[in-house]
Each structure stands twice: as C-alpha cells, then as structure tokens.
C-alpha cells in the first residue's frame, strides 16, 4: 500500500487541495512541474532591468507618493474625528496677569 497524504497545489492564483494523495503520484507531479519550470525559465529570460533611464524611474516611483498622500489624508481625517469626539468644545482659559 502506497503512503498517502494531503497535497496542496498553488497555480494560476488558485489553490487546490487533494486528500489521501499517493506519494508516488506526488513525486511524478513534482518532477513534471520541475521540467516545465526549467523549460519555461529558459524560454522567458528577460533582459536585465536598469534604472539608468530617468523617465522609467520616475514612472515607477510616481505612483507611490499618491498612495502615501491618500493615506495621510485618511489618517488626518480620522485624527480630527477622534479629537473632536474627545473634546467637542475647546476649553480656552483666560490668562490672568
């Protein structure tokens, strides 16, 4: 009797779980995946990415400050709400000479 266990496969953004999966079949699948992975990695070799071009660097980095600004605006709005909820009336004490 072959040893059986649970096998989980992550592929294409999906997760598939098999219960009582034979160990020999799992090894076959792993070998098959390894051969396809090796063939695919040599076929899809991309040129090295360089930040030497300033236009591309600005394009990549320009999206991050917008997200930071939105986050800061949300934080300040929540902070303003918390402060006004804690002290709805500002207490001003007159200074006596």
C-alpha atoms as a PDB file:
ATOM      1  CA  UNK A   1       0.000   0.000   0.000  1.00  0.00           C
ATOM      2  CA  UNK A   2       1.406   3.392  -1.008  1.00  0.00           C
ATOM      3  CA  UNK A   3       1.754   6.126   1.569  1.00  0.00           C
ATOM      4  CA  UNK A   4      -0.988   8.741   1.187  1.00  0.00           C
ATOM      5  CA  UNK A   5      -1.059  12.311   2.418  1.00  0.00           C
ATOM      6  CA  UNK A   6      -2.608  15.667   1.657  1.00  0.00           C
ATOM      7  CA  UNK A   7      -1.256  17.582  -1.349  1.00  0.00           C
ATOM      8  CA  UNK A   8      -1.770  21.298  -1.949  1.00  0.00           C
ATOM      9  CA  UNK A   9      -1.093  22.900  -5.325  1.00  0.00           C
ATOM     10  CA  UNK A  10      -0.833  26.658  -5.854  1.00  0.00           C
ATOM     11  CA  UNK A  11      -1.155  27.524  -9.547  1.00  0.00           C
ATOM     12  CA  UNK A  12      -2.521  30.436 -11.528  1.00  0.00           C
ATOM     13  CA  UNK A  13      -3.814  32.256  -8.465  1.00  0.00           C
ATOM     14  CA  UNK A  14      -5.790  29.231  -7.292  1.00  0.00           C
ATOM     15  CA  UNK A  15      -5.281  26.706  -4.502  1.00  0.00           C
ATOM     16  CA  UNK A  16      -6.246  23.059  -4.966  1.00  0.00           C
ATOM     17  CA  UNK A  17      -6.103  20.562  -2.079  1.00  0.00           C
ATOM     18  CA  UNK A  18      -6.140  16.786  -2.562  1.00  0.00           C
ATOM     19  CA  UNK A  19      -6.746  14.435   0.375  1.00  0.00           C
ATOM     20  CA  UNK A  20      -5.252  10.923   0.513  1.00  0.00           C
ATOM     21  CA  UNK A  21      -2.914  11.606  -2.421  1.00  0.00           C
ATOM     22  CA  UNK A  22      -0.386   8.793  -3.124  1.00  0.00           C
ATOM     23  CA  UNK A  23       3.259   9.718  -2.536  1.00  0.00           C
ATOM     24  CA  UNK A  24       4.434   8.213  -5.839  1.00  0.00           C
ATOM     25  CA  UNK A  25       1.926  10.320  -7.797  1.00  0.00           C
ATOM     26  CA  UNK A  26       3.011  13.413  -5.866  1.00  0.00           C
ATOM     27  CA  UNK A  27       6.620  12.724  -6.869  1.00  0.00           C
ATOM     28  CA  UNK A  28       5.565  12.352 -10.516  1.00  0.00           C
ATOM     29  CA  UNK A  29       3.745  15.683 -10.407  1.00  0.00           C
ATOM     30  CA  UNK A  30       6.734  17.383  -8.774  1.00  0.00           C
ATOM     31  CA  UNK A  31       9.088  16.033 -11.471  1.00  0.00           C
ATOM     32  CA  UNK A  32       6.680  17.120 -14.200  1.00  0.00           C
ATOM     33  CA  UNK A  33       6.383  20.603 -12.711  1.00  0.00           C
ATOM     34  CA  UNK A  34      10.160  20.826 -12.383  1.00  0.00           C
ATOM     35  CA  UNK A  35      10.710  20.006 -16.073  1.00  0.00           C
ATOM     36  CA  UNK A  36       8.132  22.563 -17.218  1.00  0.00           C
ATOM     37  CA  UNK A  37       9.542  25.159 -14.837  1.00  0.00           C
ATOM     38  CA  UNK A  38      13.068  24.673 -16.185  1.00  0.00           C
ATOM     39  CA  UNK A  39      11.899  24.847 -19.816  1.00  0.00           C
ATOM     40  CA  UNK A  40       9.801  27.939 -19.154  1.00  0.00           C
ATOM     41  CA  UNK A  41      12.542  29.773 -17.273  1.00  0.00           C
ATOM     42  CA  UNK A  42      14.993  29.380 -20.168  1.00  0.00           C
ATOM     43  CA  UNK A  43      12.367  30.394 -22.746  1.00  0.00           C
ATOM     44  CA  UNK A  44      11.276  33.557 -20.947  1.00  0.00           C
ATOM     45  CA  UNK A  45      14.573  35.132 -19.995  1.00  0.00           C
ATOM     46  CA  UNK A  46      14.029  38.875 -19.726  1.00  0.00           C
ATOM     47  CA  UNK A  47      16.740  41.449 -20.258  1.00  0.00           C
ATOM     48  CA  UNK A  48      18.208  42.909 -17.092  1.00  0.00           C
ATOM     49  CA  UNK A  49      16.242  45.920 -15.852  1.00  0.00           C
ATOM     50  CA  UNK A  50      18.231  49.080 -15.409  1.00  0.00           C
ATOM     51  CA  UNK A  51      17.308  52.298 -13.655  1.00  0.00           C
ATOM     52  CA  UNK A  52      19.659  54.250 -15.905  1.00  0.00           C
ATOM     53  CA  UNK A  53      16.774  55.851 -17.778  1.00  0.00           C
ATOM     54  CA  UNK A  54      15.363  58.595 -15.527  1.00  0.00           C
ATOM     55  CA  UNK A  55      11.967  58.580 -17.267  1.00  0.00           C
ATOM     56  CA  UNK A  56      11.305  54.958 -16.304  1.00  0.00           C
ATOM     57  CA  UNK A  57      12.465  55.549 -12.746  1.00  0.00           C
ATOM     58  CA  UNK A  58      10.060  58.475 -12.331  1.00  0.00           C
ATOM     59  CA  UNK A  59       7.209  56.434 -13.805  1.00  0.00           C
ATOM     60  CA  UNK A  60       7.781  53.594 -11.348  1.00  0.00           C
ATOM     61  CA  UNK A  61       8.192  55.819  -8.310  1.00  0.00           C
ATOM     62  CA  UNK A  62       5.464  58.348  -9.152  1.00  0.00           C
ATOM     63  CA  UNK A  63       2.624  56.026  -8.082  1.00  0.00           C
ATOM     64  CA  UNK A  64       3.851  55.664  -4.506  1.00  0.00           C
ATOM     65  CA  UNK A  65       3.554  59.303  -3.350  1.00  0.00           C
ATOM     66  CA  UNK A  66      -0.110  59.403  -4.404  1.00  0.00           C
ATOM     67  CA  UNK A  67      -0.884  56.407  -2.211  1.00  0.00           C
ATOM     68  CA  UNK A  68       1.043  57.982   0.656  1.00  0.00           C
ATOM     69  CA  UNK A  69      -0.858  61.257   0.281  1.00  0.00           C
ATOM     70  CA  UNK A  70      -4.201  59.455   0.305  1.00  0.00           C
ATOM     71  CA  UNK A  71      -3.156  57.509   3.368  1.00  0.00           C
ATOM     72  CA  UNK A  72      -2.103  60.702   5.116  1.00  0.00           C
ATOM     73  CA  UNK A  73      -5.413  62.393   4.257  1.00  0.00           C
ATOM     74  CA  UNK A  74      -7.356  59.434   5.701  1.00  0.00           C
ATOM     75  CA  UNK A  75      -5.198  59.439   8.832  1.00  0.00           C
ATOM     76  CA  UNK A  76      -5.659  63.178   9.398  1.00  0.00           C
ATOM     77  CA  UNK A  77      -9.422  62.927   8.882  1.00  0.00           C
ATOM     78  CA  UNK A  78      -9.671  60.107  11.438  1.00  0.00           C
ATOM     79  CA  UNK A  79      -7.445  62.022  13.852  1.00  0.00           C
ATOM     80  CA  UNK A  80      -9.632  65.100  13.505  1.00  0.00           C
ATOM     81  CA  UNK A  81     -12.719  62.987  14.239  1.00  0.00           C
ATOM     82  CA  UNK A  82     -11.086  61.421  17.305  1.00  0.00           C
ATOM     83  CA  UNK A  83     -10.024  64.793  18.674  1.00  0.00           C
ATOM     84  CA  UNK A  84     -13.432  66.363  18.145  1.00  0.00           C
ATOM     85  CA  UNK A  85     -15.165  63.351  19.721  1.00  0.00           C
ATOM     86  CA  UNK A  86     -12.945  63.506  22.797  1.00  0.00           C
ATOM     87  CA  UNK A  87     -13.361  67.230  23.358  1.00  0.00           C
ATOM     88  CA  UNK A  88     -16.304  68.668  21.418  1.00  0.00           C
ATOM     89  CA  UNK A  89     -15.822  72.105  22.973  1.00  0.00           C
ATOM     90  CA  UNK A  90     -12.431  73.631  23.137  1.00  0.00           C
ATOM     91  CA  UNK A  91     -11.780  74.959  26.611  1.00  0.00           C
ATOM     92  CA  UNK A  92      -9.985  78.283  26.467  1.00  0.00           C
ATOM     93  CA  UNK A  93      -8.789  79.514  29.807  1.00  0.00           C
ATOM     94  CA  UNK A  94      -8.213  83.235  30.025  1.00  0.00           C
ATOM     95  CA  UNK A  95      -4.761  84.156  31.194  1.00  0.00           C
ATOM     96  CA  UNK A  96      -4.826  86.420  34.254  1.00  0.00           C
ATOM     97  CA  UNK A  97      -1.925  88.819  34.706  1.00  0.00           C
END
